[in-house]
C-alpha atoms as a PDB file:
ATOM      1  CA  MET A   1    -107.507  -3.116 186.072  1.00  0.00           C
ATOM      2  CA  ASN A   2    -110.982  -1.588 186.111  1.00  0.00           C
ATOM      3  CA  TYR A   3    -109.554   1.553 184.477  1.00  0.00           C
ATOM      4  CA  ASP A   4    -108.054  -0.559 181.644  1.00  0.00           C
ATOM      5  CA  MET A   5    -111.398  -2.245 181.026  1.00  0.00           C
ATOM      6  CA  GLN A   6    -113.096   1.149 180.785  1.00  0.00           C
ATOM      7  CA  LYS A   7    -110.521   2.315 178.225  1.00  0.00           C
ATOM      8  CA  ILE A   8    -111.068  -0.829 176.158  1.00  0.00           C
ATOM      9  CA  SER A   9    -114.840  -0.423 176.363  1.00  0.00           C
ATOM     10  CA  ILE A  10    -114.654   3.208 175.207  1.00  0.00           C
ATOM     11  CA  PHE A  11    -112.252   2.264 172.400  1.00  0.00           C
ATOM     12  CA  LEU A  12    -114.616  -0.480 171.177  1.00  0.00           C
ATOM     13  CA  LYS A  13    -117.605   1.876 171.239  1.00  0.00           C
ATOM     14  CA  ILE A  14    -115.713   4.513 169.251  1.00  0.00           C
ATOM     15  CA  SER A  15    -114.507   1.894 166.751  1.00  0.00           C
ATOM     16  CA  CYS A  16    -118.028   0.553 166.306  1.00  0.00           C
ATOM     17  CA  PHE A  17    -119.415   4.080 165.802  1.00  0.00           C
ATOM     18  CA  CYS A  18    -116.728   4.873 163.204  1.00  0.00           C
ATOM     19  CA  LEU A  19    -117.410   1.635 161.320  1.00  0.00           C
ATOM     20  CA  ILE A  20    -121.154   2.293 161.205  1.00  0.00           C
ATOM     21  CA  PHE A  21    -120.563   5.893 160.104  1.00  0.00           C
ATOM     22  CA  LEU A  22    -118.208   4.692 157.347  1.00  0.00           C
ATOM     23  CA  LEU A  23    -120.748   2.129 156.097  1.00  0.00           C
ATOM     24  CA  ILE A  24    -123.539   4.707 155.965  1.00  0.00           C
ATOM     25  CA  ALA A  25    -121.349   7.345 154.305  1.00  0.00           C
ATOM     26  CA  THR A  26    -120.091   4.880 151.690  1.00  0.00           C
ATOM     27  CA  ALA A  27    -123.570   3.620 150.862  1.00  0.00           C
ATOM     28  CA  ALA A  28    -124.967   7.148 150.563  1.00  0.00           C
ATOM     29  CA  SER A  29    -122.156   8.663 148.507  1.00  0.00           C
ATOM     30  CA  PRO A  30    -123.008   9.621 144.898  1.00  0.00           C
ATOM     31  CA  ALA A  31    -119.840   7.906 143.676  1.00  0.00           C
ATOM     32  CA  ALA A  32    -121.180   4.579 144.937  1.00  0.00           C
ATOM     33  CA  SER A  33    -124.242   4.817 142.739  1.00  0.00           C
ATOM     34  CA  SER A  34    -124.247   4.229 138.996  1.00  0.00           C
ATOM     35  CA  GLU A  35    -127.590   5.767 138.133  1.00  0.00           C
ATOM     36  CA  SER A  36    -126.159   7.515 135.099  1.00  0.00           C
ATOM     37  CA  TYR A  37    -125.444   4.179 133.424  1.00  0.00           C
ATOM     38  CA  VAL A  38    -126.540   4.075 129.787  1.00  0.00           C
ATOM     39  CA  SER A  39    -126.770   0.742 128.039  1.00  0.00           C
ATOM     40  CA  ASP A  40    -124.660   0.403 124.930  1.00  0.00           C
ATOM     41  CA  GLN A  41    -125.964  -3.060 124.143  1.00  0.00           C
ATOM     42  CA  GLY A  42    -128.352  -1.691 121.549  1.00  0.00           C
ATOM     43  CA  GLY A  43    -127.481  -1.869 117.927  1.00  0.00           C
ATOM     44  CA  GLU A  44    -128.749  -3.391 114.756  1.00  0.00           C
ATOM     45  CA  GLY A  45    -132.142  -5.032 115.195  1.00  0.00           C
ATOM     46  CA  GLN A  46    -132.518  -3.868 118.814  1.00  0.00           C
ATOM     47  CA  THR A  47    -134.740  -0.860 118.235  1.00  0.00           C
ATOM     48  CA  ASP A  48    -137.682  -2.198 120.255  1.00  0.00           C
ATOM     49  CA  VAL A  49    -136.556  -2.239 123.901  1.00  0.00           C
ATOM     50  CA  MET A  50    -139.097  -1.775 126.689  1.00  0.00           C
ATOM     51  CA  ASP A  51    -137.919  -0.311 129.997  1.00  0.00           C
ATOM     52  CA  VAL A  52    -139.426  -2.326 132.883  1.00  0.00           C
ATOM     53  CA  GLU A  53    -139.509  -1.999 136.658  1.00  0.00           C
ATOM     54  CA  VAL A  54    -137.266  -4.427 138.556  1.00  0.00           C
ATOM     55  CA  ARG A  55    -136.974  -5.073 142.300  1.00  0.00           C
ATOM     56  CA  VAL A  56    -134.174  -6.879 144.106  1.00  0.00           C
ATOM     57  CA  ASN A  57    -135.357  -8.807 147.187  1.00  0.00           C
ATOM     58  CA  PRO A  58    -139.013  -7.850 146.708  1.00  0.00           C
ATOM     59  CA  ASP A  59    -140.132  -9.869 149.753  1.00  0.00           C
ATOM     60  CA  LYS A  60    -137.725  -8.164 152.175  1.00  0.00           C
ATOM     61  CA  ASP A  61    -137.857  -4.736 153.784  1.00  0.00           C
ATOM     62  CA  VAL A  62    -134.093  -4.277 153.408  1.00  0.00           C
ATOM     63  CA  ASN A  63    -132.644  -4.357 149.905  1.00  0.00           C
ATOM     64  CA  CYS A  64    -129.190  -5.840 150.413  1.00  0.00           C
ATOM     65  CA  VAL A  65    -127.156  -8.889 149.469  1.00  0.00           C
ATOM     66  CA  LYS A  66    -124.516 -10.306 151.799  1.00  0.00           C
ATOM     67  CA  THR A  67    -121.142 -11.260 150.325  1.00  0.00           C
ATOM     68  CA  MET A  68    -120.779 -14.788 151.689  1.00  0.00           C
ATOM     69  CA  GLU A  69    -124.472 -15.618 151.995  1.00  0.00           C
ATOM     70  CA  SER A  70    -125.545 -19.070 150.929  1.00  0.00           C
ATOM     71  CA  GLY A  71    -128.968 -19.590 149.471  1.00  0.00           C
ATOM     72  CA  SER A  72    -130.822 -17.447 147.001  1.00  0.00           C
ATOM     73  CA  THR A  73    -131.586 -13.859 146.149  1.00  0.00           C
ATOM     74  CA  LYS A  74    -134.847 -12.970 144.474  1.00  0.00           C
ATOM     75  CA  ILE A  75    -135.252 -10.440 141.676  1.00  0.00           C
ATOM     76  CA  ALA A  76    -138.679  -9.512 140.323  1.00  0.00           C
ATOM     77  CA  VAL A  77    -139.734  -8.070 136.981  1.00  0.00           C
ATOM     78  CA  LEU A  78    -142.975  -6.227 137.660  1.00  0.00           C
ATOM     79  CA  GLY A  79    -145.857  -6.780 135.294  1.00  0.00           C
ATOM     80  CA  SER A  80    -148.000  -3.897 134.061  1.00  0.00           C
ATOM     81  CA  ALA A  81    -150.676  -3.027 131.515  1.00  0.00           C
ATOM     82  CA  GLU A  82    -147.890  -2.842 128.910  1.00  0.00           C
ATOM     83  CA  LEU A  83    -146.011  -5.985 130.028  1.00  0.00           C
ATOM     84  CA  ASP A  84    -147.393  -9.497 130.435  1.00  0.00           C
ATOM     85  CA  VAL A  85    -144.513 -11.220 132.239  1.00  0.00           C
ATOM     86  CA  GLU A  86    -145.773 -14.641 131.134  1.00  0.00           C
ATOM     87  CA  LYS A  87    -144.606 -13.727 127.605  1.00  0.00           C
ATOM     88  CA  ILE A  88    -140.968 -13.511 128.747  1.00  0.00           C
ATOM     89  CA  LEU A  89    -138.917 -16.368 127.305  1.00  0.00           C
ATOM     90  CA  GLU A  90    -137.545 -17.981 130.462  1.00  0.00           C
ATOM     91  CA  ASN A  91    -134.281 -19.167 128.886  1.00  0.00           C
ATOM     92  CA  SER A  92    -133.481 -15.604 127.737  1.00  0.00           C
ATOM     93  CA  VAL A  93    -133.401 -13.948 131.178  1.00  0.00           C
ATOM     94  CA  LYS A  94    -129.944 -12.654 132.166  1.00  0.00           C
ATOM     95  CA  VAL A  95    -128.884 -10.652 135.207  1.00  0.00           C
ATOM     96  CA  SER A  96    -125.763  -8.512 134.893  1.00  0.00           C
ATOM     97  CA  SER A  97    -124.028  -5.567 136.508  1.00  0.00           C
ATOM     98  CA  VAL A  98    -122.092  -2.579 135.219  1.00  0.00           C
ATOM     99  CA  LYS A  99    -119.287  -3.709 137.541  1.00  0.00           C
ATOM    100  CA  SER A 100    -118.468  -6.799 135.450  1.00  0.00           C
ATOM    101  CA  ALA A 101    -118.951  -8.473 132.090  1.00  0.00           C
ATOM    102  CA  GLY A 102    -120.425 -11.620 133.680  1.00  0.00           C
ATOM    103  CA  GLU A 103    -124.049 -12.729 133.553  1.00  0.00           C
ATOM    104  CA  VAL A 104    -126.154 -14.932 135.804  1.00  0.00           C
ATOM    105  CA  GLU A 105    -129.254 -16.907 134.878  1.00  0.00           C
ATOM    106  CA  PRO A 106    -131.993 -17.626 137.423  1.00  0.00           C
ATOM    107  CA  TYR A 107    -132.383 -21.242 138.525  1.00  0.00           C
ATOM    108  CA  ALA A 108    -136.108 -20.918 139.317  1.00  0.00           C
ATOM    109  CA  MET A 109    -138.985 -18.633 138.329  1.00  0.00           C
ATOM    110  CA  GLU A 110    -142.532 -18.128 139.534  1.00  0.00           C
ATOM    111  CA  TYR A 111    -145.415 -15.844 138.644  1.00  0.00           C
ATOM    112  CA  ARG A 112    -147.196 -13.969 141.451  1.00  0.00           C
ATOM    113  CA  ASP A 113    -148.408 -10.471 142.205  1.00  0.00           C
ATOM    114  CA  ILE A 114    -145.851  -9.072 144.673  1.00  0.00           C
ATOM    115  CA  ASP A 115    -146.931  -5.426 144.614  1.00  0.00           C
ATOM    116  CA  SER A 116    -150.716  -6.007 144.754  1.00  0.00           C
ATOM    117  CA  ASP A 117    -151.434  -4.037 141.581  1.00  0.00           C
ATOM    118  CA  GLY A 118    -153.455  -6.800 139.903  1.00  0.00           C
ATOM    119  CA  TYR A 119    -150.712  -7.771 137.418  1.00  0.00           C
ATOM    120  CA  LYS A 120    -148.608 -10.920 137.675  1.00  0.00           C
ATOM    121  CA  ASP A 121    -144.902 -10.372 138.305  1.00  0.00           C
ATOM    122  CA  LEU A 122    -141.996 -12.654 137.392  1.00  0.00           C
ATOM    123  CA  VAL A 123    -140.052 -13.550 140.554  1.00  0.00           C
ATOM    124  CA  MET A 124    -136.677 -15.152 139.823  1.00  0.00           C
ATOM    125  CA  SER A 125    -134.399 -16.989 142.247  1.00  0.00           C
ATOM    126  CA  LEU A 126    -130.652 -16.621 141.767  1.00  0.00           C
ATOM    127  CA  ASP A 127    -127.870 -18.393 143.630  1.00  0.00           C
ATOM    128  CA  CYS A 128    -126.184 -15.841 145.942  1.00  0.00           C
ATOM    129  CA  HIS A 129    -122.718 -17.328 145.573  1.00  0.00           C
ATOM    130  CA  GLU A 130    -122.977 -17.382 141.766  1.00  0.00           C
ATOM    131  CA  LEU A 131    -124.260 -13.791 141.792  1.00  0.00           C
ATOM    132  CA  MET A 132    -121.279 -12.645 143.881  1.00  0.00           C
ATOM    133  CA  THR A 133    -118.636 -14.507 141.871  1.00  0.00           C
ATOM    134  CA  GLN A 134    -119.952 -14.153 138.298  1.00  0.00           C
ATOM    135  CA  LEU A 135    -120.758 -10.450 138.669  1.00  0.00           C
ATOM    136  CA  ASP A 136    -117.645  -9.814 140.779  1.00  0.00           C
ATOM    137  CA  LEU A 137    -119.699  -8.132 143.502  1.00  0.00           C
ATOM    138  CA  ARG A 138    -117.365  -9.021 146.379  1.00  0.00           C
ATOM    139  CA  LYS A 139    -115.254  -6.022 145.349  1.00  0.00           C
ATOM    140  CA  CYS A 140    -118.294  -3.759 145.825  1.00  0.00           C
ATOM    141  CA  PHE A 141    -118.280  -4.170 149.605  1.00  0.00           C
ATOM    142  CA  CYS A 142    -120.575  -1.590 151.272  1.00  0.00           C
ATOM    143  CA  ARG A 143    -121.646  -0.028 147.973  1.00  0.00           C
ATOM    144  CA  GLU A 144    -124.896   0.149 146.089  1.00  0.00           C
ATOM    145  CA  VAL A 145    -124.658  -1.779 142.842  1.00  0.00           C
ATOM    146  CA  PRO A 146    -127.192  -1.755 139.997  1.00  0.00           C
ATOM    147  CA  LEU A 147    -128.331  -5.212 138.922  1.00  0.00           C
ATOM    148  CA  ASN A 148    -129.645  -5.208 135.358  1.00  0.00           C
ATOM    149  CA  VAL A 149    -132.215  -7.656 134.009  1.00  0.00           C
ATOM    150  CA  ARG A 150    -132.473  -8.248 130.279  1.00  0.00           C
ATOM    151  CA  ALA A 151    -134.817 -10.707 128.552  1.00  0.00           C
ATOM    152  CA  VAL A 152    -136.536 -11.434 125.261  1.00  0.00           C
ATOM    153  CA  LEU A 153    -140.304 -11.615 124.798  1.00  0.00           C
ATOM    154  CA  GLU A 154    -142.290 -14.006 122.624  1.00  0.00           C
ATOM    155  CA  GLU A 155    -142.507 -12.842 119.006  1.00  0.00           C
ATOM    156  CA  ASN A 156    -146.250 -12.068 119.168  1.00  0.00           C
ATOM    157  CA  ALA A 157    -145.746  -9.713 122.165  1.00  0.00           C
ATOM    158  CA  GLY A 158    -144.756  -6.750 119.983  1.00  0.00           C
ATOM    159  CA  THR A 159    -141.655  -5.579 121.852  1.00  0.00           C
ATOM    160  CA  LYS A 160    -138.587  -7.742 121.305  1.00  0.00           C
ATOM    161  CA  THR A 161    -136.518  -7.047 124.416  1.00  0.00           C
ATOM    162  CA  ILE A 162    -137.112  -5.823 127.946  1.00  0.00           C
ATOM    163  CA  GLU A 163    -134.578  -4.389 130.331  1.00  0.00           C
ATOM    164  CA  GLY A 164    -134.622  -2.801 133.740  1.00  0.00           C
ATOM    165  CA  SER A 165    -132.474  -2.397 136.824  1.00  0.00           C
ATOM    166  CA  ASP A 166    -132.576  -1.915 140.563  1.00  0.00           C
ATOM    167  CA  THR A 167    -129.791  -1.169 143.005  1.00  0.00           C
ATOM    168  CA  THR A 168    -128.872  -3.309 145.973  1.00  0.00           C
ATOM    169  CA  LEU A 169    -126.445  -2.742 148.812  1.00  0.00           C
ATOM    170  CA  ILE A 170    -123.594  -5.266 149.062  1.00  0.00           C
ATOM    171  CA  LEU A 171    -122.851  -6.008 152.720  1.00  0.00           C
ATOM    172  CA  PRO A 172    -120.468  -8.308 154.558  1.00  0.00           C
ATOM    173  CA  ARG A 173    -121.984 -11.310 156.248  1.00  0.00           C
ATOM    174  CA  PHE A 174    -122.201 -10.785 159.984  1.00  0.00           C
ATOM    175  CA  ARG A 175    -123.038 -13.634 162.341  1.00  0.00           C
END
């Protein structure tokens, strides 16, 4: 019986190693990344688009979203000398993904300097479940997915639209 337990223990260790290797290989593969995405949402009247820096989960060291996680995910639009985030029209902010045609709106927003550069940043809270279902991210298990943020600025801000993206790793929820 002791021999059988050793075989089971070795089998479990090998299975665990293979699963971890598969997760790392999938996340690191170039096919999992969509960095070559080019927005085709431009068109008539959309000549003034400013590219902005976006961070998913800016308060966490690990940039991932879990598939069945309840609660919220934060996405930040980083302010700069060129962008005053307080001029973003809050009702115009949309988060999307190249993986789906859906869009998600944040349920809460706050202004704070998350990267200590002296400029205020817009930190948005999004419902995790809504993010997963509306953007169809459950199918992106163990892949990096770009989340795109698009918003409109006040008319006196000069630029009409801002957009930016950051990738996040979609992981299963482990207990």
